Amino acid sequence: MLLTITNEQKIPVALNPKTLAGNPAGVDGIPVWEALGDGDATIEVAPDGLSATLISGEANINSTFRVTADGVPGEEVGVLTEDITLAVVPASASSLGLVAGAAELK
């Protein structure tokens, strides 16, 4: 998954596990989120591991995150993995910031 935000933003992401037929499914245990070492964006993971917030770093630097979970309940393990590439672009000006000085005598 590719997400693009500015260097002034953060973005929430959440897991929504589904079966092959598209029905809701659970995961066994707490999913693990990790930064893969490229880029400088950071991640804040919810205690249950089902969501996280990706926080931008410097502009024009991409970061990659991986989330891994066990999709099979019980003793058997079925590892599911997804990667997120977070592209960070420079924030644009939203106003000209015009200000007036104090009035003076002429």
PDB file of N, CA and C in Angstrom:
ATOM      1  N   MET A   1       0.842  -1.168   0.000  1.00  0.00           N
ATOM      2  CA  MET A   1       0.000   0.000   0.000  1.00  0.00           C
ATOM      3  C   MET A   1       0.888   1.233   0.000  1.00  0.00           C
ATOM      4  N   LEU A   2       0.544   2.196  -0.838  1.00  0.00           N
ATOM      5  CA  LEU A   2       1.271   3.458  -0.899  1.00  0.00           C
ATOM      6  C   LEU A   2       0.377   4.557  -0.342  1.00  0.00           C
ATOM      7  N   LEU A   3       0.880   5.286   0.644  1.00  0.00           N
ATOM      8  CA  LEU A   3       0.187   6.430   1.220  1.00  0.00           C
ATOM      9  C   LEU A   3       1.070   7.650   1.038  1.00  0.00           C
ATOM     10  N   THR A   4       0.462   8.787   0.710  1.00  0.00           N
ATOM     11  CA  THR A   4       1.214  10.023   0.532  1.00  0.00           C
ATOM     12  C   THR A   4       0.648  11.086   1.466  1.00  0.00           C
ATOM     13  N   ILE A   5       1.531  11.707   2.261  1.00  0.00           N
ATOM     14  CA  ILE A   5       1.154  12.792   3.163  1.00  0.00           C
ATOM     15  C   ILE A   5       2.235  13.862   3.101  1.00  0.00           C
ATOM     16  N   THR A   6       1.943  15.028   3.674  1.00  0.00           N
ATOM     17  CA  THR A   6       2.959  16.079   3.705  1.00  0.00           C
ATOM     18  C   THR A   6       3.828  15.919   4.946  1.00  0.00           C
ATOM     19  N   ASN A   7       4.903  16.685   4.975  1.00  0.00           N
ATOM     20  CA  ASN A   7       5.808  16.641   6.121  1.00  0.00           C
ATOM     21  C   ASN A   7       5.210  17.312   7.359  1.00  0.00           C
ATOM     22  N   GLU A   8       3.953  17.780   7.280  1.00  0.00           N
ATOM     23  CA  GLU A   8       3.252  18.353   8.430  1.00  0.00           C
ATOM     24  C   GLU A   8       2.112  17.455   8.907  1.00  0.00           C
ATOM     25  N   GLN A   9       2.010  16.244   8.374  1.00  0.00           N
ATOM     26  CA  GLN A   9       0.859  15.406   8.666  1.00  0.00           C
ATOM     27  C   GLN A   9       1.232  14.069   9.307  1.00  0.00           C
ATOM     28  N   LYS A  10       0.199  13.414   9.830  1.00  0.00           N
ATOM     29  CA  LYS A  10       0.269  12.030  10.270  1.00  0.00           C
ATOM     30  C   LYS A  10      -1.001  11.365   9.753  1.00  0.00           C
ATOM     31  N   ILE A  11      -1.003  10.032   9.687  1.00  0.00           N
ATOM     32  CA  ILE A  11      -2.156   9.334   9.130  1.00  0.00           C
ATOM     33  C   ILE A  11      -2.435   8.051   9.911  1.00  0.00           C
ATOM     34  N   PRO A  12      -3.701   7.855  10.305  1.00  0.00           N
ATOM     35  CA  PRO A  12      -4.049   6.617  10.995  1.00  0.00           C
ATOM     36  C   PRO A  12      -4.247   5.481   9.982  1.00  0.00           C
ATOM     37  N   VAL A  13      -3.848   4.295  10.366  1.00  0.00           N
ATOM     38  CA  VAL A  13      -4.083   3.089   9.565  1.00  0.00           C
ATOM     39  C   VAL A  13      -4.616   2.014  10.502  1.00  0.00           C
ATOM     40  N   ALA A  14      -5.466   1.143   9.977  1.00  0.00           N
ATOM     41  CA  ALA A  14      -6.067   0.102  10.816  1.00  0.00           C
ATOM     42  C   ALA A  14      -6.183  -1.195  10.036  1.00  0.00           C
ATOM     43  N   LEU A  15      -6.127  -2.304  10.763  1.00  0.00           N
ATOM     44  CA  LEU A  15      -6.319  -3.615  10.168  1.00  0.00           C
ATOM     45  C   LEU A  15      -7.811  -3.927  10.150  1.00  0.00           C
ATOM     46  N   ASN A  16      -8.245  -4.592   9.096  1.00  0.00           N
ATOM     47  CA  ASN A  16      -9.627  -5.012   8.938  1.00  0.00           C
ATOM     48  C   ASN A  16      -9.607  -6.396   8.291  1.00  0.00           C
ATOM     49  N   PRO A  17      -9.153  -7.425   9.052  1.00  0.00           N
ATOM     50  CA  PRO A  17      -8.945  -8.755   8.469  1.00  0.00           C
ATOM     51  C   PRO A  17     -10.224  -9.332   7.861  1.00  0.00           C
ATOM     52  N   LYS A  18     -10.061 -10.005   6.726  1.00  0.00           N
ATOM     53  CA  LYS A  18     -11.167 -10.633   6.003  1.00  0.00           C
ATOM     54  C   LYS A  18     -10.775 -12.051   5.592  1.00  0.00           C
ATOM     55  N   THR A  19     -11.796 -12.913   5.432  1.00  0.00           N
ATOM     56  CA  THR A  19     -11.579 -14.249   4.872  1.00  0.00           C
ATOM     57  C   THR A  19     -11.453 -14.119   3.357  1.00  0.00           C
ATOM     58  N   LEU A  20     -11.154 -15.229   2.676  1.00  0.00           N
ATOM     59  CA  LEU A  20     -11.078 -15.198   1.213  1.00  0.00           C
ATOM     60  C   LEU A  20     -12.404 -14.778   0.596  1.00  0.00           C
ATOM     61  N   ALA A  21     -13.521 -15.078   1.270  1.00  0.00           N
ATOM     62  CA  ALA A  21     -14.847 -14.703   0.763  1.00  0.00           C
ATOM     63  C   ALA A  21     -15.210 -13.260   1.115  1.00  0.00           C
ATOM     64  N   GLY A  22     -14.330 -12.568   1.833  1.00  0.00           N
ATOM     65  CA  GLY A  22     -14.587 -11.184   2.181  1.00  0.00           C
ATOM     66  C   GLY A  22     -15.331 -10.974   3.478  1.00  0.00           C
ATOM     67  N   ASN A  23     -15.487 -12.028   4.265  1.00  0.00           N
ATOM     68  CA  ASN A  23     -16.157 -11.915   5.558  1.00  0.00           C
ATOM     69  C   ASN A  23     -15.170 -11.466   6.630  1.00  0.00           C
ATOM     70  N   PRO A  24     -15.663 -10.793   7.672  1.00  0.00           N
ATOM     71  CA  PRO A  24     -14.768 -10.365   8.757  1.00  0.00           C
ATOM     72  C   PRO A  24     -14.072 -11.554   9.417  1.00  0.00           C
ATOM     73  N   ALA A  25     -12.827 -11.370   9.775  1.00  0.00           N
ATOM     74  CA  ALA A  25     -12.039 -12.420  10.431  1.00  0.00           C
ATOM     75  C   ALA A  25     -11.210 -11.777  11.530  1.00  0.00           C
ATOM     76  N   GLY A  26     -10.742 -12.571  12.446  1.00  0.00           N
ATOM     77  CA  GLY A  26      -9.877 -12.072  13.513  1.00  0.00           C
ATOM     78  C   GLY A  26      -8.441 -12.477  13.264  1.00  0.00           C
ATOM     79  N   VAL A  27      -7.583 -12.029  14.138  1.00  0.00           N
ATOM     80  CA  VAL A  27      -6.196 -12.451  14.132  1.00  0.00           C
ATOM     81  C   VAL A  27      -5.897 -13.061  15.492  1.00  0.00           C
ATOM     82  N   ASP A  28      -4.934 -13.955  15.525  1.00  0.00           N
ATOM     83  CA  ASP A  28      -4.545 -14.622  16.764  1.00  0.00           C
ATOM     84  C   ASP A  28      -3.356 -13.873  17.358  1.00  0.00           C
ATOM     85  N   GLY A  29      -3.543 -13.309  18.532  1.00  0.00           N
ATOM     86  CA  GLY A  29      -2.474 -12.542  19.158  1.00  0.00           C
ATOM     87  C   GLY A  29      -2.478 -11.096  18.701  1.00  0.00           C
ATOM     88  N   ILE A  30      -1.445 -10.393  19.094  1.00  0.00           N
ATOM     89  CA  ILE A  30      -1.327  -8.963  18.773  1.00  0.00           C
ATOM     90  C   ILE A  30      -0.440  -8.791  17.542  1.00  0.00           C
ATOM     91  N   PRO A  31      -0.945  -8.135  16.506  1.00  0.00           N
ATOM     92  CA  PRO A  31      -0.123  -7.887  15.321  1.00  0.00           C
ATOM     93  C   PRO A  31       1.138  -7.076  15.672  1.00  0.00           C
ATOM     94  N   VAL A  32       2.188  -7.308  14.896  1.00  0.00           N
ATOM     95  CA  VAL A  32       3.471  -6.637  15.115  1.00  0.00           C
ATOM     96  C   VAL A  32       3.705  -5.657  13.975  1.00  0.00           C
ATOM     97  N   TRP A  33       3.980  -4.404  14.334  1.00  0.00           N
ATOM     98  CA  TRP A  33       4.280  -3.348  13.366  1.00  0.00           C
ATOM     99  C   TRP A  33       5.765  -3.008  13.493  1.00  0.00           C
ATOM    100  N   GLU A  34       6.407  -2.748  12.356  1.00  0.00           N
ATOM    101  CA  GLU A  34       7.817  -2.379  12.402  1.00  0.00           C
ATOM    102  C   GLU A  34       8.174  -1.431  11.263  1.00  0.00           C
ATOM    103  N   ALA A  35       9.113  -0.544  11.542  1.00  0.00           N
ATOM    104  CA  ALA A  35       9.709   0.297  10.512  1.00  0.00           C
ATOM    105  C   ALA A  35      10.850  -0.506   9.914  1.00  0.00           C
ATOM    106  N   LEU A  36      10.955  -0.516   8.604  1.00  0.00           N
ATOM    107  CA  LEU A  36      11.954  -1.361   7.952  1.00  0.00           C
ATOM    108  C   LEU A  36      13.314  -0.697   7.783  1.00  0.00           C
ATOM    109  N   GLY A  37      13.511   0.474   8.382  1.00  0.00           N
ATOM    110  CA  GLY A  37      14.840   1.057   8.407  1.00  0.00           C
ATOM    111  C   GLY A  37      15.099   2.116   7.366  1.00  0.00           C
ATOM    112  N   ASP A  38      14.292   2.182   6.327  1.00  0.00           N
ATOM    113  CA  ASP A  38      14.496   3.246   5.348  1.00  0.00           C
ATOM    114  C   ASP A  38      13.614   4.431   5.719  1.00  0.00           C
ATOM    115  N   GLY A  39      14.065   5.622   5.477  1.00  0.00           N
ATOM    116  CA  GLY A  39      13.267   6.804   5.782  1.00  0.00           C
ATOM    117  C   GLY A  39      13.327   7.194   7.243  1.00  0.00           C
ATOM    118  N   ASP A  40      12.654   8.306   7.577  1.00  0.00           N
ATOM    119  CA  ASP A  40      12.705   8.816   8.938  1.00  0.00           C
ATOM    120  C   ASP A  40      11.328   9.040   9.556  1.00  0.00           C
ATOM    121  N   ALA A  41      10.272   8.564   8.908  1.00  0.00           N
ATOM    122  CA  ALA A  41       8.940   8.646   9.499  1.00  0.00           C
ATOM    123  C   ALA A  41       8.889   7.690  10.698  1.00  0.00           C
ATOM    124  N   THR A  42       7.971   7.959  11.616  1.00  0.00           N
ATOM    125  CA  THR A  42       7.844   7.134  12.815  1.00  0.00           C
ATOM    126  C   THR A  42       6.440   6.542  12.892  1.00  0.00           C
ATOM    127  N   ILE A  43       6.266   5.631  13.841  1.00  0.00           N
ATOM    128  CA  ILE A  43       4.986   4.936  13.995  1.00  0.00           C
ATOM    129  C   ILE A  43       4.619   4.855  15.470  1.00  0.00           C
ATOM    130  N   GLU A  44       3.344   5.060  15.757  1.00  0.00           N
ATOM    131  CA  GLU A  44       2.787   4.862  17.094  1.00  0.00           C
ATOM    132  C   GLU A  44       1.727   3.779  16.970  1.00  0.00           C
ATOM    133  N   VAL A  45       1.922   2.661  17.652  1.00  0.00           N
ATOM    134  CA  VAL A  45       1.034   1.508  17.534  1.00  0.00           C
ATOM    135  C   VAL A  45       0.079   1.463  18.719  1.00  0.00           C
ATOM    136  N   ALA A  46      -1.198   1.185  18.452  1.00  0.00           N
ATOM    137  CA  ALA A  46      -2.191   1.028  19.512  1.00  0.00           C
ATOM    138  C   ALA A  46      -1.853  -0.212  20.338  1.00  0.00           C
ATOM    139  N   PRO A  47      -2.211  -0.232  21.621  1.00  0.00           N
ATOM    140  CA  PRO A  47      -1.890  -1.372  22.480  1.00  0.00           C
ATOM    141  C   PRO A  47      -2.398  -2.724  21.950  1.00  0.00           C
ATOM    142  N   ASP A  48      -3.544  -2.728  21.260  1.00  0.00           N
ATOM    143  CA  ASP A  48      -4.081  -3.994  20.738  1.00  0.00           C
ATOM    144  C   ASP A  48      -3.460  -4.387  19.403  1.00  0.00           C
ATOM    145  N   GLY A  49      -2.622  -3.514  18.829  1.00  0.00           N
ATOM    146  CA  GLY A  49      -1.938  -3.811  17.579  1.00  0.00           C
ATOM    147  C   GLY A  49      -2.816  -3.755  16.342  1.00  0.00           C
ATOM    148  N   LEU A  50      -4.081  -3.408  16.496  1.00  0.00           N
ATOM    149  CA  LEU A  50      -4.989  -3.403  15.358  1.00  0.00           C
ATOM    150  C   LEU A  50      -4.989  -2.085  14.586  1.00  0.00           C
ATOM    151  N   SER A  51      -4.286  -1.093  15.109  1.00  0.00           N
ATOM    152  CA  SER A  51      -4.177   0.175  14.398  1.00  0.00           C
ATOM    153  C   SER A  51      -2.862   0.849  14.776  1.00  0.00           C
ATOM    154  N   ALA A  52      -2.521   1.842  13.983  1.00  0.00           N
ATOM    155  CA  ALA A  52      -1.296   2.602  14.234  1.00  0.00           C
ATOM    156  C   ALA A  52      -1.434   3.968  13.573  1.00  0.00           C
ATOM    157  N   THR A  53      -0.565   4.866  13.960  1.00  0.00           N
ATOM    158  CA  THR A  53      -0.492   6.183  13.327  1.00  0.00           C
ATOM    159  C   THR A  53       0.906   6.344  12.758  1.00  0.00           C
ATOM    160  N   LEU A  54       0.966   6.655  11.467  1.00  0.00           N
ATOM    161  CA  LEU A  54       2.239   6.899  10.802  1.00  0.00           C
ATOM    162  C   LEU A  54       2.478   8.411  10.823  1.00  0.00           C
ATOM    163  N   ILE A  55       3.650   8.812  11.274  1.00  0.00           N
ATOM    164  CA  ILE A  55       3.967  10.226  11.461  1.00  0.00           C
ATOM    165  C   ILE A  55       5.092  10.607  10.505  1.00  0.00           C
ATOM    166  N   SER A  56       4.821  11.613   9.683  1.00  0.00           N
ATOM    167  CA  SER A  56       5.784  11.988   8.647  1.00  0.00           C
ATOM    168  C   SER A  56       7.107  12.448   9.236  1.00  0.00           C
ATOM    169  N   GLY A  57       8.130  12.273   8.416  1.00  0.00           N
ATOM    170  CA  GLY A  57       9.453  12.806   8.730  1.00  0.00           C
ATOM    171  C   GLY A  57       9.743  13.936   7.757  1.00  0.00           C
ATOM    172  N   GLU A  58      10.968  13.994   7.271  1.00  0.00           N
ATOM    173  CA  GLU A  58      11.371  15.033   6.325  1.00  0.00           C
ATOM    174  C   GLU A  58      10.703  14.819   4.968  1.00  0.00           C
ATOM    175  N   ALA A  59      10.491  15.906   4.253  1.00  0.00           N
ATOM    176  CA  ALA A  59       9.900  15.842   2.914  1.00  0.00           C
ATOM    177  C   ALA A  59      10.841  15.128   1.947  1.00  0.00           C
ATOM    178  N   ASN A  60      10.251  14.506   0.952  1.00  0.00           N
ATOM    179  CA  ASN A  60      10.962  13.823  -0.132  1.00  0.00           C
ATOM    180  C   ASN A  60      11.740  12.598   0.342  1.00  0.00           C
ATOM    181  N   ILE A  61      11.321  12.028   1.462  1.00  0.00           N
ATOM    182  CA  ILE A  61      11.928  10.792   1.950  1.00  0.00           C
ATOM    183  C   ILE A  61      10.802   9.791   2.194  1.00  0.00           C
ATOM    184  N   ASN A  62      10.887   8.637   1.558  1.00  0.00           N
ATOM    185  CA  ASN A  62       9.894   7.584   1.756  1.00  0.00           C
ATOM    186  C   ASN A  62      10.321   6.667   2.890  1.00  0.00           C
ATOM    187  N   SER A  63       9.335   6.149   3.618  1.00  0.00           N
ATOM    188  CA  SER A  63       9.580   5.192   4.696  1.00  0.00           C
ATOM    189  C   SER A  63       8.705   3.976   4.452  1.00  0.00           C
ATOM    190  N   THR A  64       9.184   2.814   4.867  1.00  0.00           N
ATOM    191  CA  THR A  64       8.420   1.587   4.707  1.00  0.00           C
ATOM    192  C   THR A  64       8.153   0.964   6.068  1.00  0.00           C
ATOM    193  N   PHE A  65       6.906   0.534   6.256  1.00  0.00           N
ATOM    194  CA  PHE A  65       6.476  -0.127   7.489  1.00  0.00           C
ATOM    195  C   PHE A  65       5.890  -1.478   7.130  1.00  0.00           C
ATOM    196  N   ARG A  66       5.996  -2.422   8.047  1.00  0.00           N
ATOM    197  CA  ARG A  66       5.446  -3.770   7.847  1.00  0.00           C
ATOM    198  C   ARG A  66       4.611  -4.139   9.056  1.00  0.00           C
ATOM    199  N   VAL A  67       3.457  -4.747   8.786  1.00  0.00           N
ATOM    200  CA  VAL A  67       2.622  -5.292   9.857  1.00  0.00           C
ATOM    201  C   VAL A  67       2.470  -6.786   9.589  1.00  0.00           C
ATOM    202  N   THR A  68       2.633  -7.568  10.657  1.00  0.00           N
ATOM    203  CA  THR A  68       2.558  -9.024  10.569  1.00  0.00           C
ATOM    204  C   THR A  68       1.598  -9.530  11.631  1.00  0.00           C
ATOM    205  N   ALA A  69       0.752 -10.482  11.252  1.00  0.00           N
ATOM    206  CA  ALA A  69      -0.205 -11.056  12.198  1.00  0.00           C
ATOM    207  C   ALA A  69      -0.423 -12.530  11.868  1.00  0.00           C
ATOM    208  N   ASP A  70      -0.897 -13.271  12.861  1.00  0.00           N
ATOM    209  CA  ASP A  70      -1.263 -14.675  12.699  1.00  0.00           C
ATOM    210  C   ASP A  70      -2.747 -14.722  12.351  1.00  0.00           C
ATOM    211  N   GLY A  71      -3.062 -15.178  11.159  1.00  0.00           N
ATOM    212  CA  GLY A  71      -4.442 -15.213  10.697  1.00  0.00           C
ATOM    213  C   GLY A  71      -5.197 -16.481  11.031  1.00  0.00           C
ATOM    214  N   VAL A  72      -4.551 -17.435  11.711  1.00  0.00           N
ATOM    215  CA  VAL A  72      -5.199 -18.709  12.032  1.00  0.00           C
ATOM    216  C   VAL A  72      -5.359 -18.823  13.540  1.00  0.00           C
ATOM    217  N   PRO A  73      -6.603 -18.963  14.027  1.00  0.00           N
ATOM    218  CA  PRO A  73      -6.788 -19.116  15.475  1.00  0.00           C
ATOM    219  C   PRO A  73      -6.221 -20.434  15.988  1.00  0.00           C
ATOM    220  N   GLY A  74      -5.760 -20.437  17.224  1.00  0.00           N
ATOM    221  CA  GLY A  74      -5.281 -21.670  17.857  1.00  0.00           C
ATOM    222  C   GLY A  74      -3.796 -21.901  17.659  1.00  0.00           C
ATOM    223  N   GLU A  75      -3.403 -23.182  17.773  1.00  0.00           N
ATOM    224  CA  GLU A  75      -1.989 -23.581  17.726  1.00  0.00           C
ATOM    225  C   GLU A  75      -1.334 -23.346  16.364  1.00  0.00           C
ATOM    226  N   GLU A  76      -2.073 -23.578  15.298  1.00  0.00           N
ATOM    227  CA  GLU A  76      -1.518 -23.426  13.956  1.00  0.00           C
ATOM    228  C   GLU A  76      -1.211 -21.949  13.694  1.00  0.00           C
ATOM    229  N   VAL A  77      -0.176 -21.696  12.898  1.00  0.00           N
ATOM    230  CA  VAL A  77       0.213 -20.324  12.592  1.00  0.00           C
ATOM    231  C   VAL A  77       0.061 -20.086  11.096  1.00  0.00           C
ATOM    232  N   GLY A  78      -0.604 -19.014  10.752  1.00  0.00           N
ATOM    233  CA  GLY A  78      -0.747 -18.585   9.360  1.00  0.00           C
ATOM    234  C   GLY A  78      -0.325 -17.137   9.270  1.00  0.00           C
ATOM    235  N   VAL A  79       0.913 -16.908   8.917  1.00  0.00           N
ATOM    236  CA  VAL A  79       1.469 -15.554   8.943  1.00  0.00           C
ATOM    237  C   VAL A  79       0.931 -14.736   7.761  1.00  0.00           C
ATOM    238  N   LEU A  80       0.385 -13.582   8.096  1.00  0.00           N
ATOM    239  CA  LEU A  80      -0.059 -12.607   7.100  1.00  0.00           C
ATOM    240  C   LEU A  80       0.809 -11.366   7.254  1.00  0.00           C
ATOM    241  N   THR A  81       1.287 -10.829   6.148  1.00  0.00           N
ATOM    242  CA  THR A  81       2.167  -9.671   6.181  1.00  0.00           C
ATOM    243  C   THR A  81       1.720  -8.665   5.131  1.00  0.00           C
ATOM    244  N   GLU A  82       1.734  -7.392   5.512  1.00  0.00           N
ATOM    245  CA  GLU A  82       1.478  -6.322   4.548  1.00  0.00           C
ATOM    246  C   GLU A  82       2.475  -5.200   4.783  1.00  0.00           C
ATOM    247  N   ASP A  83       2.890  -4.557   3.695  1.00  0.00           N
ATOM    248  CA  ASP A  83       3.821  -3.441   3.767  1.00  0.00           C
ATOM    249  C   ASP A  83       3.111  -2.145   3.393  1.00  0.00           C
ATOM    250  N   ILE A  84       3.549  -1.068   4.003  1.00  0.00           N
ATOM    251  CA  ILE A  84       3.048   0.270   3.699  1.00  0.00           C
ATOM    252  C   ILE A  84       4.253   1.133   3.338  1.00  0.00           C
ATOM    253  N   THR A  85       4.196   1.771   2.189  1.00  0.00           N
ATOM    254  CA  THR A  85       5.197   2.773   1.831  1.00  0.00           C
ATOM    255  C   THR A  85       4.569   4.130   2.093  1.00  0.00           C
ATOM    256  N   LEU A  86       5.215   4.909   2.939  1.00  0.00           N
ATOM    257  CA  LEU A  86       4.740   6.251   3.266  1.00  0.00           C
ATOM    258  C   LEU A  86       5.603   7.258   2.522  1.00  0.00           C
ATOM    259  N   ALA A  87       5.010   7.897   1.512  1.00  0.00           N
ATOM    260  CA  ALA A  87       5.706   8.928   0.744  1.00  0.00           C
ATOM    261  C   ALA A  87       5.409  10.271   1.391  1.00  0.00           C
ATOM    262  N   VAL A  88       6.452  11.006   1.724  1.00  0.00           N
ATOM    263  CA  VAL A  88       6.286  12.306   2.371  1.00  0.00           C
ATOM    264  C   VAL A  88       6.685  13.398   1.375  1.00  0.00           C
ATOM    265  N   VAL A  89       5.748  14.296   1.121  1.00  0.00           N
ATOM    266  CA  VAL A  89       5.971  15.396   0.185  1.00  0.00           C
ATOM    267  C   VAL A  89       6.002  16.710   0.964  1.00  0.00           C
ATOM    268  N   PRO A  90       6.599  17.754   0.389  1.00  0.00           N
ATOM    269  CA  PRO A  90       6.637  19.040   1.102  1.00  0.00           C
ATOM    270  C   PRO A  90       5.232  19.633   1.248  1.00  0.00           C
ATOM    271  N   ALA A  91       4.984  20.248   2.389  1.00  0.00           N
ATOM    272  CA  ALA A  91       3.719  20.956   2.591  1.00  0.00           C
ATOM    273  C   ALA A  91       3.709  22.198   1.706  1.00  0.00           C
ATOM    274  N   SER A  92       2.545  22.527   1.167  1.00  0.00           N
ATOM    275  CA  SER A  92       2.393  23.711   0.317  1.00  0.00           C
ATOM    276  C   SER A  92       1.922  24.894   1.140  1.00  0.00           C
ATOM    277  N   ALA A  93       2.199  26.083   0.639  1.00  0.00           N
ATOM    278  CA  ALA A  93       1.692  27.294   1.290  1.00  0.00           C
ATOM    279  C   ALA A  93       0.174  27.284   1.215  1.00  0.00           C
ATOM    280  N   SER A  94      -0.485  27.673   2.307  1.00  0.00           N
ATOM    281  CA  SER A  94      -1.944  27.735   2.314  1.00  0.00           C
ATOM    282  C   SER A  94      -2.444  29.171   2.408  1.00  0.00           C
ATOM    283  N   SER A  95      -1.542  30.104   2.640  1.00  0.00           N
ATOM    284  CA  SER A  95      -1.894  31.525   2.656  1.00  0.00           C
ATOM    285  C   SER A  95      -0.621  32.318   2.369  1.00  0.00           C
ATOM    286  N   LEU A  96      -0.796  33.589   2.055  1.00  0.00           N
ATOM    287  CA  LEU A  96       0.361  34.456   1.828  1.00  0.00           C
ATOM    288  C   LEU A  96       0.856  35.085   3.117  1.00  0.00           C
ATOM    289  N   GLY A  97       0.078  35.008   4.182  1.00  0.00           N
ATOM    290  CA  GLY A  97       0.529  35.514   5.474  1.00  0.00           C
ATOM    291  C   GLY A  97       0.706  37.020   5.502  1.00  0.00           C
ATOM    292  N   LEU A  98      -0.099  37.735   4.735  1.00  0.00           N
ATOM    293  CA  LEU A  98       0.011  39.199   4.660  1.00  0.00           C
ATOM    294  C   LEU A  98      -0.221  39.814   6.033  1.00  0.00           C
ATOM    295  N   VAL A  99       0.675  40.695   6.441  1.00  0.00           N
ATOM    296  CA  VAL A  99       0.535  41.419   7.709  1.00  0.00           C
ATOM    297  C   VAL A  99       0.746  42.900   7.454  1.00  0.00           C
ATOM    298  N   ALA A 100       0.117  43.719   8.262  1.00  0.00           N
ATOM    299  CA  ALA A 100       0.259  45.171   8.134  1.00  0.00           C
ATOM    300  C   ALA A 100       1.063  45.707   9.303  1.00  0.00           C
ATOM    301  N   GLY A 101       1.890  46.674   9.030  1.00  0.00           N
ATOM    302  CA  GLY A 101       2.643  47.315  10.089  1.00  0.00           C
ATOM    303  C   GLY A 101       1.776  48.401  10.755  1.00  0.00           C
ATOM    304  N   ALA A 102       2.333  49.082  11.732  1.00  0.00           N
ATOM    305  CA  ALA A 102       1.631  50.175  12.417  1.00  0.00           C
ATOM    306  C   ALA A 102       1.522  51.377  11.502  1.00  0.00           C
ATOM    307  N   ALA A 103       0.426  52.088  11.601  1.00  0.00           N
ATOM    308  CA  ALA A 103       0.231  53.306  10.800  1.00  0.00           C
ATOM    309  C   ALA A 103       1.240  54.369  11.240  1.00  0.00           C
ATOM    310  N   GLU A 104       1.745  55.146  10.276  1.00  0.00           N
ATOM    311  CA  GLU A 104       2.723  56.198  10.551  1.00  0.00           C
ATOM    312  C   GLU A 104       2.249  57.523   9.995  1.00  0.00           C
ATOM    313  N   LEU A 105       2.742  58.622  10.540  1.00  0.00           N
ATOM    314  CA  LEU A 105       2.464  59.957   9.959  1.00  0.00           C
ATOM    315  C   LEU A 105       3.205  60.092   8.648  1.00  0.00           C
ATOM    316  N   LYS A 106       2.620  60.825   7.732  1.00  0.00           N
ATOM    317  CA  LYS A 106       3.319  61.051   6.463  1.00  0.00           C
ATOM    318  C   LYS A 106       3.969  62.406   6.402  1.00  0.00           C
TER     319      LYS A 106
END
